[in-house]
All heavy atoms as atom14 arrays in JSON, in Angstrom:
{
  "sequence": "WAWLWITAGTIAIAAAWMPPRRDWWGFLALVVIVIPWTLSYLASWWP",
  "atom14_mask": [
    [1, 1, 1, 1, 1, 1, 1, 1, 1, 1, 1, 1, 1, 1],
    [1, 1, 1, 1, 1, 0, 0, 0, 0, 0, 0, 0, 0, 0],
    [1, 1, 1, 1, 1, 1, 1, 1, 1, 1, 1, 1, 1, 1],
    [1, 1, 1, 1, 1, 1, 1, 1, 0, 0, 0, 0, 0, 0],
    [1, 1, 1, 1, 1, 1, 1, 1, 1, 1, 1, 1, 1, 1],
    [1, 1, 1, 1, 1, 1, 1, 1, 0, 0, 0, 0, 0, 0],
    [1, 1, 1, 1, 1, 1, 1, 0, 0, 0, 0, 0, 0, 0],
    [1, 1, 1, 1, 1, 0, 0, 0, 0, 0, 0, 0, 0, 0],
    [1, 1, 1, 1, 0, 0, 0, 0, 0, 0, 0, 0, 0, 0],
    [1, 1, 1, 1, 1, 1, 1, 0, 0, 0, 0, 0, 0, 0],
    [1, 1, 1, 1, 1, 1, 1, 1, 0, 0, 0, 0, 0, 0],
    [1, 1, 1, 1, 1, 0, 0, 0, 0, 0, 0, 0, 0, 0],
    [1, 1, 1, 1, 1, 1, 1, 1, 0, 0, 0, 0, 0, 0],
    [1, 1, 1, 1, 1, 0, 0, 0, 0, 0, 0, 0, 0, 0],
    [1, 1, 1, 1, 1, 0, 0, 0, 0, 0, 0, 0, 0, 0],
    [1, 1, 1, 1, 1, 0, 0, 0, 0, 0, 0, 0, 0, 0],
    [1, 1, 1, 1, 1, 1, 1, 1, 1, 1, 1, 1, 1, 1],
    [1, 1, 1, 1, 1, 1, 1, 1, 0, 0, 0, 0, 0, 0],
    [1, 1, 1, 1, 1, 1, 1, 0, 0, 0, 0, 0, 0, 0],
    [1, 1, 1, 1, 1, 1, 1, 0, 0, 0, 0, 0, 0, 0],
    [1, 1, 1, 1, 1, 1, 1, 1, 1, 1, 1, 0, 0, 0],
    [1, 1, 1, 1, 1, 1, 1, 1, 1, 1, 1, 0, 0, 0],
    [1, 1, 1, 1, 1, 1, 1, 1, 0, 0, 0, 0, 0, 0],
    [1, 1, 1, 1, 1, 1, 1, 1, 1, 1, 1, 1, 1, 1],
    [1, 1, 1, 1, 1, 1, 1, 1, 1, 1, 1, 1, 1, 1],
    [1, 1, 1, 1, 0, 0, 0, 0, 0, 0, 0, 0, 0, 0],
    [1, 1, 1, 1, 1, 1, 1, 1, 1, 1, 1, 0, 0, 0],
    [1, 1, 1, 1, 1, 1, 1, 1, 0, 0, 0, 0, 0, 0],
    [1, 1, 1, 1, 1, 0, 0, 0, 0, 0, 0, 0, 0, 0],
    [1, 1, 1, 1, 1, 1, 1, 1, 0, 0, 0, 0, 0, 0],
    [1, 1, 1, 1, 1, 1, 1, 0, 0, 0, 0, 0, 0, 0],
    [1, 1, 1, 1, 1, 1, 1, 0, 0, 0, 0, 0, 0, 0],
    [1, 1, 1, 1, 1, 1, 1, 1, 0, 0, 0, 0, 0, 0],
    [1, 1, 1, 1, 1, 1, 1, 0, 0, 0, 0, 0, 0, 0],
    [1, 1, 1, 1, 1, 1, 1, 1, 0, 0, 0, 0, 0, 0],
    [1, 1, 1, 1, 1, 1, 1, 0, 0, 0, 0, 0, 0, 0],
    [1, 1, 1, 1, 1, 1, 1, 1, 1, 1, 1, 1, 1, 1],
    [1, 1, 1, 1, 1, 1, 1, 0, 0, 0, 0, 0, 0, 0],
    [1, 1, 1, 1, 1, 1, 1, 1, 0, 0, 0, 0, 0, 0],
    [1, 1, 1, 1, 1, 1, 0, 0, 0, 0, 0, 0, 0, 0],
    [1, 1, 1, 1, 1, 1, 1, 1, 1, 1, 1, 1, 0, 0],
    [1, 1, 1, 1, 1, 1, 1, 1, 0, 0, 0, 0, 0, 0],
    [1, 1, 1, 1, 1, 0, 0, 0, 0, 0, 0, 0, 0, 0],
    [1, 1, 1, 1, 1, 1, 0, 0, 0, 0, 0, 0, 0, 0],
    [1, 1, 1, 1, 1, 1, 1, 1, 1, 1, 1, 1, 1, 1],
    [1, 1, 1, 1, 1, 1, 1, 1, 1, 1, 1, 1, 1, 1],
    [1, 1, 1, 1, 1, 1, 1, 0, 0, 0, 0, 0, 0, 0]
  ],
  "atom14_positions": [
    [[-100.36, 14.74, -43.56], [-99.01, 14.21, -43.36], [-98.97, 13.28, -42.16], [-98.29, 12.26, -42.19], [-97.99, 15.34, -43.22], [-97.68, 15.96, -44.53], [-98.13, 17.16, -45.01], [-96.88, 15.39, -45.57], [-97.65, 17.38, -46.27], [-96.88, 16.31, -46.64], [-96.16, 14.21, -45.71], [-96.18, 16.07, -47.82], [-95.47, 13.97, -46.88], [-95.48, 14.89, -47.92]],
    [[-99.69, 13.63, -41.1], [-99.72, 12.77, -39.92], [-100.27, 11.39, -40.29], [-99.71, 10.37, -39.89], [-100.58, 13.41, -38.83], [0.0, 0.0, 0.0], [0.0, 0.0, 0.0], [0.0, 0.0, 0.0], [0.0, 0.0, 0.0], [0.0, 0.0, 0.0], [0.0, 0.0, 0.0], [0.0, 0.0, 0.0], [0.0, 0.0, 0.0], [0.0, 0.0, 0.0]],
    [[-101.34, 11.36, -41.07], [-101.9, 10.08, -41.49], [-100.95, 9.32, -42.42], [-100.9, 8.08, -42.39], [-103.27, 10.26, -42.13], [-104.33, 10.45, -41.1], [-105.01, 11.59, -40.81], [-104.8, 9.46, -40.19], [-105.87, 11.37, -39.77], [-105.78, 10.07, -39.37], [-104.49, 8.11, -39.97], [-106.44, 9.38, -38.36], [-105.16, 7.42, -38.97], [-106.12, 8.05, -38.17]],
    [[-100.17, 10.04, -43.22], [-99.17, 9.38, -44.06], [-98.08, 8.74, -43.21], [-97.61, 7.63, -43.51], [-98.57, 10.37, -45.06], [-99.51, 10.81, -46.18], [-98.87, 11.94, -46.99], [-99.87, 9.64, -47.09], [0.0, 0.0, 0.0], [0.0, 0.0, 0.0], [0.0, 0.0, 0.0], [0.0, 0.0, 0.0], [0.0, 0.0, 0.0], [0.0, 0.0, 0.0]],
    [[-97.66, 9.41, -42.14], [-96.68, 8.84, -41.2], [-97.27, 7.58, -40.53], [-96.6, 6.56, -40.41], [-96.26, 9.85, -40.14], [-95.22, 10.8, -40.61], [-95.41, 12.03, -41.18], [-93.8, 10.6, -40.55], [-94.19, 12.59, -41.48], [-93.19, 11.75, -41.1], [-92.99, 9.58, -40.09], [-91.81, 11.9, -41.2], [-91.61, 9.72, -40.19], [-91.03, 10.87, -40.74]],
    [[-98.51, 7.68, -40.1], [-99.17, 6.54, -39.46], [-99.27, 5.38, -40.46], [-99.01, 4.22, -40.11], [-100.56, 6.94, -38.92], [-100.4, 7.92, -37.75], [-101.38, 5.71, -38.52], [-101.69, 8.61, -37.33], [0.0, 0.0, 0.0], [0.0, 0.0, 0.0], [0.0, 0.0, 0.0], [0.0, 0.0, 0.0], [0.0, 0.0, 0.0], [0.0, 0.0, 0.0]],
    [[-99.63, 5.69, -41.69], [-99.75, 4.65, -42.72], [-98.4, 4.0, -43.01], [-98.31, 2.76, -43.09], [-100.34, 5.25, -44.02], [-101.62, 5.81, -43.72], [-100.46, 4.21, -45.11], [0.0, 0.0, 0.0], [0.0, 0.0, 0.0], [0.0, 0.0, 0.0], [0.0, 0.0, 0.0], [0.0, 0.0, 0.0], [0.0, 0.0, 0.0], [0.0, 0.0, 0.0]],
    [[-97.36, 4.8, -43.15], [-96.02, 4.25, -43.39], [-95.61, 3.34, -42.23], [-95.06, 2.25, -42.45], [-95.0, 5.38, -43.57], [0.0, 0.0, 0.0], [0.0, 0.0, 0.0], [0.0, 0.0, 0.0], [0.0, 0.0, 0.0], [0.0, 0.0, 0.0], [0.0, 0.0, 0.0], [0.0, 0.0, 0.0], [0.0, 0.0, 0.0], [0.0, 0.0, 0.0]],
    [[-95.88, 3.77, -41.01], [-95.56, 2.94, -39.85], [-96.34, 1.64, -39.84], [-95.79, 0.57, -39.55], [0.0, 0.0, 0.0], [0.0, 0.0, 0.0], [0.0, 0.0, 0.0], [0.0, 0.0, 0.0], [0.0, 0.0, 0.0], [0.0, 0.0, 0.0], [0.0, 0.0, 0.0], [0.0, 0.0, 0.0], [0.0, 0.0, 0.0], [0.0, 0.0, 0.0]],
    [[-97.6, 1.72, -40.18], [-98.45, 0.53, -40.21], [-97.99, -0.44, -41.3], [-97.97, -1.66, -41.08], [-99.92, 0.94, -40.43], [-100.3, 1.86, -39.39], [-100.84, -0.26, -40.41], [0.0, 0.0, 0.0], [0.0, 0.0, 0.0], [0.0, 0.0, 0.0], [0.0, 0.0, 0.0], [0.0, 0.0, 0.0], [0.0, 0.0, 0.0], [0.0, 0.0, 0.0]],
    [[-97.6, 0.08, -42.44], [-97.08, -0.77, -43.52], [-95.82, -1.5, -43.04], [-95.66, -2.7, -43.26], [-96.79, 0.06, -44.79], [-98.1, 0.51, -45.43], [-95.92, -0.71, -45.78], [-97.94, 1.54, -46.53], [0.0, 0.0, 0.0], [0.0, 0.0, 0.0], [0.0, 0.0, 0.0], [0.0, 0.0, 0.0], [0.0, 0.0, 0.0], [0.0, 0.0, 0.0]],
    [[-94.93, -0.76, -42.38], [-93.69, -1.38, -41.88], [-93.99, -2.44, -40.83], [-93.36, -3.51, -40.83], [-92.76, -0.31, -41.32], [0.0, 0.0, 0.0], [0.0, 0.0, 0.0], [0.0, 0.0, 0.0], [0.0, 0.0, 0.0], [0.0, 0.0, 0.0], [0.0, 0.0, 0.0], [0.0, 0.0, 0.0], [0.0, 0.0, 0.0], [0.0, 0.0, 0.0]],
    [[-94.93, -2.17, -39.95], [-95.3, -3.15, -38.92], [-95.86, -4.41, -39.57], [-95.5, -5.53, -39.19], [-96.29, -2.53, -37.91], [-95.59, -1.47, -37.07], [-96.91, -3.61, -37.03], [-96.53, -0.59, -36.25], [0.0, 0.0, 0.0], [0.0, 0.0, 0.0], [0.0, 0.0, 0.0], [0.0, 0.0, 0.0], [0.0, 0.0, 0.0], [0.0, 0.0, 0.0]],
    [[-96.7, -4.25, -40.58], [-97.25, -5.42, -41.27], [-96.14, -6.18, -42.0], [-96.1, -7.42, -41.98], [-98.33, -4.98, -42.26], [0.0, 0.0, 0.0], [0.0, 0.0, 0.0], [0.0, 0.0, 0.0], [0.0, 0.0, 0.0], [0.0, 0.0, 0.0], [0.0, 0.0, 0.0], [0.0, 0.0, 0.0], [0.0, 0.0, 0.0], [0.0, 0.0, 0.0]],
    [[-95.21, -5.46, -42.61], [-94.12, -6.1, -43.36], [-93.15, -6.82, -42.43], [-92.47, -7.76, -42.85], [-93.36, -5.04, -44.17], [0.0, 0.0, 0.0], [0.0, 0.0, 0.0], [0.0, 0.0, 0.0], [0.0, 0.0, 0.0], [0.0, 0.0, 0.0], [0.0, 0.0, 0.0], [0.0, 0.0, 0.0], [0.0, 0.0, 0.0], [0.0, 0.0, 0.0]],
    [[-93.11, -6.42, -41.16], [-92.2, -7.06, -40.2], [-92.49, -8.56, -40.07], [-91.59, -9.34, -39.76], [-92.33, -6.4, -38.83], [0.0, 0.0, 0.0], [0.0, 0.0, 0.0], [0.0, 0.0, 0.0], [0.0, 0.0, 0.0], [0.0, 0.0, 0.0], [0.0, 0.0, 0.0], [0.0, 0.0, 0.0], [0.0, 0.0, 0.0], [0.0, 0.0, 0.0]],
    [[-93.7, -8.96, -40.34], [-94.11, -10.36, -40.18], [-93.95, -11.16, -41.46], [-94.22, -12.36, -41.48], [-95.55, -10.42, -39.67], [-95.69, -9.66, -38.41], [-96.15, -8.38, -38.26], [-95.3, -10.09, -37.1], [-96.07, -8.01, -36.94], [-95.55, -9.03, -36.2], [-94.76, -11.27, -36.6], [-95.29, -9.11, -34.85], [-94.49, -11.35, -35.24], [-94.76, -10.28, -34.38]],
    [[-93.5, -10.5, -42.53], [-93.3, -11.18, -43.8], [-91.93, -11.85, -43.82], [-91.02, -11.43, -43.12], [-93.38, -10.16, -44.96], [-94.71, -9.44, -45.07], [-96.08, -10.53, -45.46], [-95.64, -11.07, -47.08], [0.0, 0.0, 0.0], [0.0, 0.0, 0.0], [0.0, 0.0, 0.0], [0.0, 0.0, 0.0], [0.0, 0.0, 0.0], [0.0, 0.0, 0.0]],
    [[-91.77, -12.88, -44.64], [-90.45, -13.51, -44.77], [-89.44, -12.51, -45.34], [-89.81, -11.59, -46.06], [-90.69, -14.66, -45.76], [-92.16, -14.87, -45.79], [-92.79, -13.56, -45.44], [0.0, 0.0, 0.0], [0.0, 0.0, 0.0], [0.0, 0.0, 0.0], [0.0, 0.0, 0.0], [0.0, 0.0, 0.0], [0.0, 0.0, 0.0], [0.0, 0.0, 0.0]],
    [[-88.17, -12.71, -45.03], [-87.13, -11.83, -45.58], [-87.23, -11.74, -47.1], [-87.56, -12.71, -47.77], [-85.82, -12.5, -45.15], [-86.19, -13.31, -43.96], [-87.6, -13.74, -44.17], [0.0, 0.0, 0.0], [0.0, 0.0, 0.0], [0.0, 0.0, 0.0], [0.0, 0.0, 0.0], [0.0, 0.0, 0.0], [0.0, 0.0, 0.0], [0.0, 0.0, 0.0]],
    [[-86.93, -10.59, -47.61], [-86.97, -10.25, -49.04], [-88.37, -10.08, -49.58], [-88.54, -9.62, -50.69], [-86.18, -11.25, -49.9], [-84.74, -11.36, -49.5], [-84.03, -10.05, -49.73], [-82.65, -10.15, -49.3], [-81.97, -9.14, -48.82], [-82.5, -7.96, -48.73], [-80.73, -9.31, -48.44], [0.0, 0.0, 0.0], [0.0, 0.0, 0.0], [0.0, 0.0, 0.0]],
    [[-89.37, -10.45, -48.81], [-90.75, -10.13, -49.19], [-91.24, -8.97, -48.33], [-92.39, -8.56, -48.44], [-91.65, -11.35, -49.02], [-91.28, -12.45, -50.03], [-91.92, -13.72, -49.66], [-92.97, -14.09, -50.58], [-93.91, -14.97, -50.29], [-93.95, -15.53, -49.12], [-94.81, -15.28, -51.19], [0.0, 0.0, 0.0], [0.0, 0.0, 0.0], [0.0, 0.0, 0.0]],
    [[-90.35, -8.47, -47.5], [-90.68, -7.38, -46.59], [-90.19, -6.02, -47.1], [-90.28, -5.02, -46.42], [-90.04, -7.64, -45.22], [-88.53, -7.85, -45.29], [-87.94, -7.73, -46.38], [-87.93, -8.14, -44.25], [0.0, 0.0, 0.0], [0.0, 0.0, 0.0], [0.0, 0.0, 0.0], [0.0, 0.0, 0.0], [0.0, 0.0, 0.0], [0.0, 0.0, 0.0]],
    [[-89.72, -5.99, -48.35], [-89.1, -4.79, -48.9], [-90.01, -3.58, -48.87], [-89.56, -2.46, -48.69], [-88.62, -5.06, -50.34], [-89.73, -5.4, -51.28], [-90.19, -6.65, -51.58], [-90.54, -4.48, -52.01], [-91.24, -6.57, -52.46], [-91.48, -5.25, -52.74], [-90.58, -3.11, -52.13], [-92.43, -4.67, -53.57], [-91.53, -2.52, -52.96], [-92.44, -3.3, -53.67]],
    [[-91.3, -3.78, -49.04], [-92.23, -2.66, -49.08], [-92.32, -1.94, -47.73], [-92.6, -0.75, -47.69], [-93.6, -3.12, -49.58], [-94.11, -4.39, -48.95], [-93.75, -5.67, -49.26], [-95.05, -4.5, -47.89], [-94.42, -6.56, -48.46], [-95.22, -5.88, -47.61], [-95.77, -3.58, -47.15], [-96.08, -6.33, -46.63], [-96.63, -4.03, -46.17], [-96.77, -5.41, -45.93]],
    [[-92.02, -2.63, -46.64], [-91.98, -1.96, -45.33], [-90.8, -1.01, -45.23], [-90.93, 0.11, -44.73], [0.0, 0.0, 0.0], [0.0, 0.0, 0.0], [0.0, 0.0, 0.0], [0.0, 0.0, 0.0], [0.0, 0.0, 0.0], [0.0, 0.0, 0.0], [0.0, 0.0, 0.0], [0.0, 0.0, 0.0], [0.0, 0.0, 0.0], [0.0, 0.0, 0.0]],
    [[-89.63, -1.46, -45.73], [-88.46, -0.58, -45.74], [-88.7, 0.62, -46.64], [-88.33, 1.74, -46.31], [-87.22, -1.36, -46.19], [-86.75, -2.37, -45.18], [-87.01, -3.72, -45.36], [-86.07, -1.98, -44.04], [-86.6, -4.66, -44.43], [-85.65, -2.91, -43.1], [-85.91, -4.25, -43.3], [0.0, 0.0, 0.0], [0.0, 0.0, 0.0], [0.0, 0.0, 0.0]],
    [[-89.32, 0.36, -47.78], [-89.61, 1.44, -48.72], [-90.53, 2.49, -48.07], [-90.28, 3.69, -48.17], [-90.25, 0.87, -49.99], [-90.56, 1.88, -51.08], [-89.28, 2.52, -51.61], [-91.32, 1.19, -52.22], [0.0, 0.0, 0.0], [0.0, 0.0, 0.0], [0.0, 0.0, 0.0], [0.0, 0.0, 0.0], [0.0, 0.0, 0.0], [0.0, 0.0, 0.0]],
    [[-91.57, 2.03, -47.4], [-92.5, 2.96, -46.75], [-91.79, 3.82, -45.7], [-92.06, 5.02, -45.59], [-93.65, 2.18, -46.11], [0.0, 0.0, 0.0], [0.0, 0.0, 0.0], [0.0, 0.0, 0.0], [0.0, 0.0, 0.0], [0.0, 0.0, 0.0], [0.0, 0.0, 0.0], [0.0, 0.0, 0.0], [0.0, 0.0, 0.0], [0.0, 0.0, 0.0]],
    [[-90.89, 3.2, -44.94], [-90.17, 3.95, -43.9], [-89.31, 5.05, -44.5], [-89.22, 6.15, -43.93], [-89.29, 3.01, -43.07], [-90.01, 2.02, -42.16], [-89.0, 1.08, -41.51], [-90.84, 2.74, -41.11], [0.0, 0.0, 0.0], [0.0, 0.0, 0.0], [0.0, 0.0, 0.0], [0.0, 0.0, 0.0], [0.0, 0.0, 0.0], [0.0, 0.0, 0.0]],
    [[-88.69, 4.78, -45.62], [-87.8, 5.78, -46.22], [-88.58, 6.83, -47.01], [-88.28, 8.02, -46.93], [-86.75, 5.09, -47.12], [-85.92, 6.1, -47.88], [-85.83, 4.21, -46.27], [0.0, 0.0, 0.0], [0.0, 0.0, 0.0], [0.0, 0.0, 0.0], [0.0, 0.0, 0.0], [0.0, 0.0, 0.0], [0.0, 0.0, 0.0], [0.0, 0.0, 0.0]],
    [[-89.6, 6.4, -47.74], [-90.33, 7.33, -48.61], [-90.98, 8.47, -47.82], [-90.96, 9.61, -48.27], [-91.37, 6.56, -49.46], [-92.38, 7.5, -50.09], [-90.66, 5.76, -50.53], [0.0, 0.0, 0.0], [0.0, 0.0, 0.0], [0.0, 0.0, 0.0], [0.0, 0.0, 0.0], [0.0, 0.0, 0.0], [0.0, 0.0, 0.0], [0.0, 0.0, 0.0]],
    [[-91.51, 8.21, -46.66], [-92.16, 9.27, -45.89], [-91.14, 10.27, -45.35], [-91.45, 11.45, -45.16], [-93.05, 8.7, -44.74], [-93.89, 9.8, -44.09], [-92.21, 8.02, -43.68], [-94.9, 10.44, -45.0], [0.0, 0.0, 0.0], [0.0, 0.0, 0.0], [0.0, 0.0, 0.0], [0.0, 0.0, 0.0], [0.0, 0.0, 0.0], [0.0, 0.0, 0.0]],
    [[-89.92, 9.84, -45.13], [-88.9, 10.73, -44.58], [-88.36, 11.69, -45.64], [-87.96, 12.81, -45.31], [-87.75, 9.9, -43.96], [-86.59, 10.77, -43.55], [-88.26, 9.12, -42.77], [0.0, 0.0, 0.0], [0.0, 0.0, 0.0], [0.0, 0.0, 0.0], [0.0, 0.0, 0.0], [0.0, 0.0, 0.0], [0.0, 0.0, 0.0], [0.0, 0.0, 0.0]],
    [[-88.36, 11.3, -46.9], [-87.75, 12.12, -47.95], [-88.38, 13.51, -48.05], [-87.66, 14.51, -47.99], [-87.76, 11.37, -49.3], [-86.81, 10.17, -49.23], [-87.37, 12.3, -50.45], [-86.89, 9.24, -50.41], [0.0, 0.0, 0.0], [0.0, 0.0, 0.0], [0.0, 0.0, 0.0], [0.0, 0.0, 0.0], [0.0, 0.0, 0.0], [0.0, 0.0, 0.0]],
    [[-89.7, 13.64, -48.21], [-90.25, 15.0, -48.31], [-90.03, 15.81, -47.02], [-89.82, 17.03, -47.08], [-91.74, 14.79, -48.59], [-92.02, 13.37, -48.35], [-90.73, 12.62, -48.39], [0.0, 0.0, 0.0], [0.0, 0.0, 0.0], [0.0, 0.0, 0.0], [0.0, 0.0, 0.0], [0.0, 0.0, 0.0], [0.0, 0.0, 0.0], [0.0, 0.0, 0.0]],
    [[-90.1, 15.14, -45.88], [-89.89, 15.8, -44.59], [-88.48, 16.39, -44.54], [-88.28, 17.55, -44.2], [-90.08, 14.77, -43.48], [-90.78, 15.24, -42.26], [-90.23, 15.39, -41.03], [-92.16, 15.59, -42.11], [-91.17, 15.8, -40.13], [-92.37, 15.93, -40.77], [-93.24, 15.65, -42.98], [-93.61, 16.33, -40.27], [-94.46, 16.03, -42.49], [-94.64, 16.37, -41.16]],
    [[-87.5, 15.58, -44.91], [-86.1, 15.99, -44.9], [-85.86, 17.13, -45.89], [-85.2, 18.13, -45.56], [-85.19, 14.8, -45.24], [-85.44, 13.76, -44.29], [-83.72, 15.17, -45.19], [0.0, 0.0, 0.0], [0.0, 0.0, 0.0], [0.0, 0.0, 0.0], [0.0, 0.0, 0.0], [0.0, 0.0, 0.0], [0.0, 0.0, 0.0], [0.0, 0.0, 0.0]],
    [[-86.39, 16.99, -47.08], [-86.21, 18.03, -48.1], [-86.88, 19.35, -47.69], [-86.36, 20.42, -47.98], [-86.74, 17.55, -49.45], [-85.95, 16.41, -50.1], [-86.63, 15.95, -51.38], [-84.5, 16.82, -50.35], [0.0, 0.0, 0.0], [0.0, 0.0, 0.0], [0.0, 0.0, 0.0], [0.0, 0.0, 0.0], [0.0, 0.0, 0.0], [0.0, 0.0, 0.0]],
    [[-88.0, 19.26, -47.03], [-88.68, 20.47, -46.57], [-87.84, 21.2, -45.53], [-87.69, 22.42, -45.58], [-90.05, 20.12, -45.98], [-90.75, 21.3, -45.63], [0.0, 0.0, 0.0], [0.0, 0.0, 0.0], [0.0, 0.0, 0.0], [0.0, 0.0, 0.0], [0.0, 0.0, 0.0], [0.0, 0.0, 0.0], [0.0, 0.0, 0.0], [0.0, 0.0, 0.0]],
    [[-87.28, 20.45, -44.58], [-86.41, 21.07, -43.58], [-85.17, 21.67, -44.24], [-84.73, 22.77, -43.89], [-86.01, 20.07, -42.5], [-87.05, 19.91, -41.43], [-87.7, 18.7, -41.24], [-87.39, 20.97, -40.6], [-88.66, 18.54, -40.26], [-88.35, 20.84, -39.62], [-88.98, 19.62, -39.45], [-89.94, 19.49, -38.47], [0.0, 0.0, 0.0], [0.0, 0.0, 0.0]],
    [[-84.61, 20.96, -45.2], [-83.42, 21.45, -45.9], [-83.74, 22.76, -46.63], [-83.0, 23.75, -46.51], [-82.9, 20.41, -46.88], [-81.68, 20.81, -47.72], [-80.48, 21.08, -46.81], [-81.37, 19.72, -48.73], [0.0, 0.0, 0.0], [0.0, 0.0, 0.0], [0.0, 0.0, 0.0], [0.0, 0.0, 0.0], [0.0, 0.0, 0.0], [0.0, 0.0, 0.0]],
    [[-84.83, 22.78, -47.38], [-85.2, 23.98, -48.14], [-85.57, 25.14, -47.22], [-85.33, 26.3, -47.56], [-86.36, 23.66, -49.08], [0.0, 0.0, 0.0], [0.0, 0.0, 0.0], [0.0, 0.0, 0.0], [0.0, 0.0, 0.0], [0.0, 0.0, 0.0], [0.0, 0.0, 0.0], [0.0, 0.0, 0.0], [0.0, 0.0, 0.0], [0.0, 0.0, 0.0]],
    [[-86.13, 24.85, -46.06], [-86.5, 25.94, -45.13], [-85.26, 26.6, -44.55], [-85.3, 27.76, -44.16], [-87.4, 25.41, -44.02], [-86.66, 24.58, -43.14], [0.0, 0.0, 0.0], [0.0, 0.0, 0.0], [0.0, 0.0, 0.0], [0.0, 0.0, 0.0], [0.0, 0.0, 0.0], [0.0, 0.0, 0.0], [0.0, 0.0, 0.0], [0.0, 0.0, 0.0]],
    [[-84.17, 25.85, -44.51], [-82.91, 26.4, -44.02], [-82.15, 27.09, -45.16], [-81.76, 28.23, -45.07], [-82.06, 25.29, -43.38], [-80.65, 25.68, -43.09], [-80.24, 26.65, -42.22], [-79.49, 25.13, -43.68], [-78.87, 26.72, -42.23], [-78.38, 25.79, -43.12], [-79.26, 24.12, -44.61], [-77.07, 25.49, -43.46], [-77.96, 23.82, -44.94], [-76.89, 24.5, -44.38]],
    [[-81.96, 26.31, -46.24], [-81.28, 26.84, -47.4], [-81.97, 26.31, -48.63], [-82.16, 25.1, -48.74], [-79.81, 26.38, -47.39], [-79.03, 26.88, -48.54], [-78.43, 28.09, -48.66], [-78.8, 26.2, -49.78], [-77.83, 28.2, -49.87], [-78.04, 27.05, -50.59], [-79.16, 24.97, -50.28], [-77.65, 26.71, -51.87], [-78.76, 24.61, -51.56], [-78.01, 25.49, -52.34]],
    [[-82.46, 27.08, -49.5], [-82.19, 28.48, -49.77], [-83.18, 29.47, -49.16], [-82.94, 30.66, -49.19], [-82.26, 28.55, -51.29], [-83.31, 27.54, -51.64], [-83.16, 26.44, -50.62], [0.0, 0.0, 0.0], [0.0, 0.0, 0.0], [0.0, 0.0, 0.0], [0.0, 0.0, 0.0], [0.0, 0.0, 0.0], [0.0, 0.0, 0.0], [0.0, 0.0, 0.0]]
  ]
}
């Protein structure tokens, strides 16, 4: 998971230098890594 976070961050950093609207994959990487993390915390609390 740590390497997945590093990879998502690296993808976003690389996408930062792309022209607008061609940088979408950086935004996607930032959100996709957070989803399982968030759901895991949610499930650990409830149910």
